[in-house]
C-alpha atoms as a PDB file:
ATOM      1  CA  MET A   1       5.327   2.374   7.217  1.00  0.00           C
ATOM      2  CA  ARG A   2       2.958   0.327   9.362  1.00  0.00           C
ATOM      3  CA  ARG A   3       0.582  -2.621   8.983  1.00  0.00           C
ATOM      4  CA  PRO A   4      -2.976  -1.314   9.381  1.00  0.00           C
ATOM      5  CA  VAL A   5      -5.445  -2.916  11.745  1.00  0.00           C
ATOM      6  CA  THR A   6      -8.183  -2.670   9.096  1.00  0.00           C
ATOM      7  CA  ASP A   7      -7.946  -3.318   5.337  1.00  0.00           C
ATOM      8  CA  ARG A   8      -6.000  -6.558   5.835  1.00  0.00           C
ATOM      9  CA  MET A   9      -6.113  -9.746   3.827  1.00  0.00           C
ATOM     10  CA  LEU A  10      -3.521 -11.688   5.782  1.00  0.00           C
ATOM     11  CA  ALA A  11      -1.195  -9.570   7.914  1.00  0.00           C
ATOM     12  CA  GLY A  12      -1.599  -6.116   6.376  1.00  0.00           C
ATOM     13  CA  VAL A  13       1.799  -6.001   4.671  1.00  0.00           C
ATOM     14  CA  ALA A  14       0.446  -5.188   1.194  1.00  0.00           C
ATOM     15  CA  SER A  15      -1.988  -2.650   2.618  1.00  0.00           C
ATOM     16  CA  GLY A  16       0.784  -0.954   4.586  1.00  0.00           C
ATOM     17  CA  LEU A  17       3.029  -0.808   1.525  1.00  0.00           C
ATOM     18  CA  GLY A  18       0.143   0.529  -0.558  1.00  0.00           C
ATOM     19  CA  ARG A  19      -0.540   3.288   1.920  1.00  0.00           C
ATOM     20  CA  TYR A  20       3.139   4.175   2.208  1.00  0.00           C
ATOM     21  CA  PHE A  21       3.619   4.461  -1.563  1.00  0.00           C
ATOM     22  CA  ALA A  22       0.128   5.958  -2.146  1.00  0.00           C
ATOM     23  CA  VAL A  23      -1.041   3.140  -4.440  1.00  0.00           C
ATOM     24  CA  ASP A  24      -3.943   0.726  -4.239  1.00  0.00           C
ATOM     25  CA  PRO A  25      -3.108  -2.244  -1.978  1.00  0.00           C
ATOM     26  CA  THR A  26      -4.604  -4.548  -4.615  1.00  0.00           C
ATOM     27  CA  LEU A  27      -1.898  -3.419  -7.030  1.00  0.00           C
ATOM     28  CA  VAL A  28       0.748  -4.271  -4.422  1.00  0.00           C
ATOM     29  CA  ARG A  29      -0.802  -7.717  -3.973  1.00  0.00           C
ATOM     30  CA  VAL A  30      -0.830  -8.367  -7.738  1.00  0.00           C
ATOM     31  CA  VAL A  31       2.783  -7.221  -8.136  1.00  0.00           C
ATOM     32  CA  PHE A  32       3.785  -9.435  -5.233  1.00  0.00           C
ATOM     33  CA  ALA A  33       1.982 -12.457  -6.729  1.00  0.00           C
ATOM     34  CA  VAL A  34       3.678 -11.886 -10.094  1.00  0.00           C
ATOM     35  CA  ALA A  35       7.052 -11.569  -8.343  1.00  0.00           C
ATOM     36  CA  VAL A  36       6.458 -14.882  -6.557  1.00  0.00           C
ATOM     37  CA  VAL A  37       5.712 -16.616  -9.861  1.00  0.00           C
ATOM     38  CA  LEU A  38       8.646 -15.013 -11.721  1.00  0.00           C
ATOM     39  CA  THR A  39      11.157 -15.845  -8.985  1.00  0.00           C
ATOM     40  CA  GLY A  40       9.976 -19.411  -8.554  1.00  0.00           C
ATOM     41  CA  GLY A  41       8.684 -18.710  -5.049  1.00  0.00           C
ATOM     42  CA  VAL A  42      11.806 -16.990  -3.704  1.00  0.00           C
ATOM     43  CA  ALA A  43       9.909 -13.698  -3.328  1.00  0.00           C
ATOM     44  CA  LEU A  44       7.545 -15.521  -0.973  1.00  0.00           C
ATOM     45  CA  LEU A  45      10.237 -15.267   1.696  1.00  0.00           C
ATOM     46  CA  ALA A  46       9.878 -11.478   1.683  1.00  0.00           C
ATOM     47  CA  TYR A  47       6.334 -11.547   3.091  1.00  0.00           C
ATOM     48  CA  PRO A  48       7.078 -13.062   6.520  1.00  0.00           C
ATOM     49  CA  ILE A  49      10.178 -10.883   6.790  1.00  0.00           C
ATOM     50  CA  MET A  50       8.121  -7.727   6.136  1.00  0.00           C
ATOM     51  CA  TRP A  51       5.428  -9.026   8.503  1.00  0.00           C
ATOM     52  CA  PHE A  52       8.035  -9.319  11.237  1.00  0.00           C
ATOM     53  CA  LEU A  53       9.736  -5.970  10.526  1.00  0.00           C
ATOM     54  CA  MET A  54       6.678  -3.752   9.927  1.00  0.00           C
ATOM     55  CA  PRO A  55       5.045  -2.646  13.178  1.00  0.00           C
ATOM     56  CA  ALA A  56       1.283  -2.715  13.560  1.00  0.00           C
ATOM     57  CA  GLU A  57      -0.541   0.572  13.235  1.00  0.00           C
ATOM     58  CA  PRO A  58      -1.472   2.152  16.582  1.00  0.00           C
ATOM     59  CA  ALA A  59      -5.126   2.104  17.618  1.00  0.00           C
ATOM     60  CA  GLY A  60      -5.516   5.898  17.398  1.00  0.00           C
ATOM     61  CA  ALA A  61      -4.175   6.224  13.830  1.00  0.00           C
ATOM     62  CA  PRO A  62      -6.284   8.177  11.323  1.00  0.00           C
ATOM     63  CA  ALA A  63      -8.597   6.195   9.076  1.00  0.00           C
ATOM     64  CA  TRP A  64      -7.634   5.288   5.526  1.00  0.00           C
ATOM     65  CA  PRO A  65      -7.050   6.925   3.175  1.00  0.00           C
ATOM     66  CA  HIS A  66      -4.505   9.142   4.816  1.00  0.00           C
ATOM     67  CA  PRO A  67      -1.877  10.653   2.542  1.00  0.00           C
ATOM     68  CA  ALA A  68       1.574   9.201   2.138  1.00  0.00           C
ATOM     69  CA  PRO A  69       4.511  11.033   3.740  1.00  0.00           C
ATOM     70  CA  GLY A  70       5.470  14.087   1.706  1.00  0.00           C
ATOM     71  CA  TRP A  71       2.221  14.126  -0.291  1.00  0.00           C
ATOM     72  CA  THR A  72       0.698  17.525  -0.979  1.00  0.00           C
ATOM     73  CA  PRO A  73      -2.702  18.080  -2.582  1.00  0.00           C
ATOM     74  CA  PRO A  74      -2.760  19.534  -6.116  1.00  0.00           C
ATOM     75  CA  ALA A  75      -3.445  23.222  -6.548  1.00  0.00           C
ATOM     76  CA  PRO A  76      -7.047  24.154  -7.373  1.00  0.00           C
ATOM     77  CA  GLY A  77      -7.761  24.136 -11.090  1.00  0.00           C
ATOM     78  CA  THR A  78      -4.907  21.769 -11.956  1.00  0.00           C
ATOM     79  CA  GLY A  79      -6.951  18.573 -11.971  1.00  0.00           C
ATOM     80  CA  PRO A  80      -7.362  16.258 -14.938  1.00  0.00           C
ATOM     81  CA  VAL A  81      -8.702  17.791 -18.110  1.00  0.00           C
ATOM     82  CA  THR A  82     -11.833  16.176 -19.491  1.00  0.00           C
ATOM     83  CA  PRO A  83     -12.531  16.504 -23.203  1.00  0.00           C
ATOM     84  CA  SER A  84     -15.725  18.314 -24.120  1.00  0.00           C
ATOM     85  CA  VAL A  85     -18.147  16.545 -26.395  1.00  0.00           C
END
């Protein structure tokens, strides 16, 4: 889990978490904002802690989107089924 050099809004914490869990970083940002509101601002302390603990992504890292650890692509022919009209 690393903070990317690109795709940052502030420090790259939400983007790094999004990449690690293979979800959209915007979703991570929304969940974080809701958590801040629901906890009365206590969750806001988590951001600088994660900023300090998460290392920055190295300069030679592959461009986004790179798969999350342990992710394997689906087998051919097993994609979503679309209804025929």
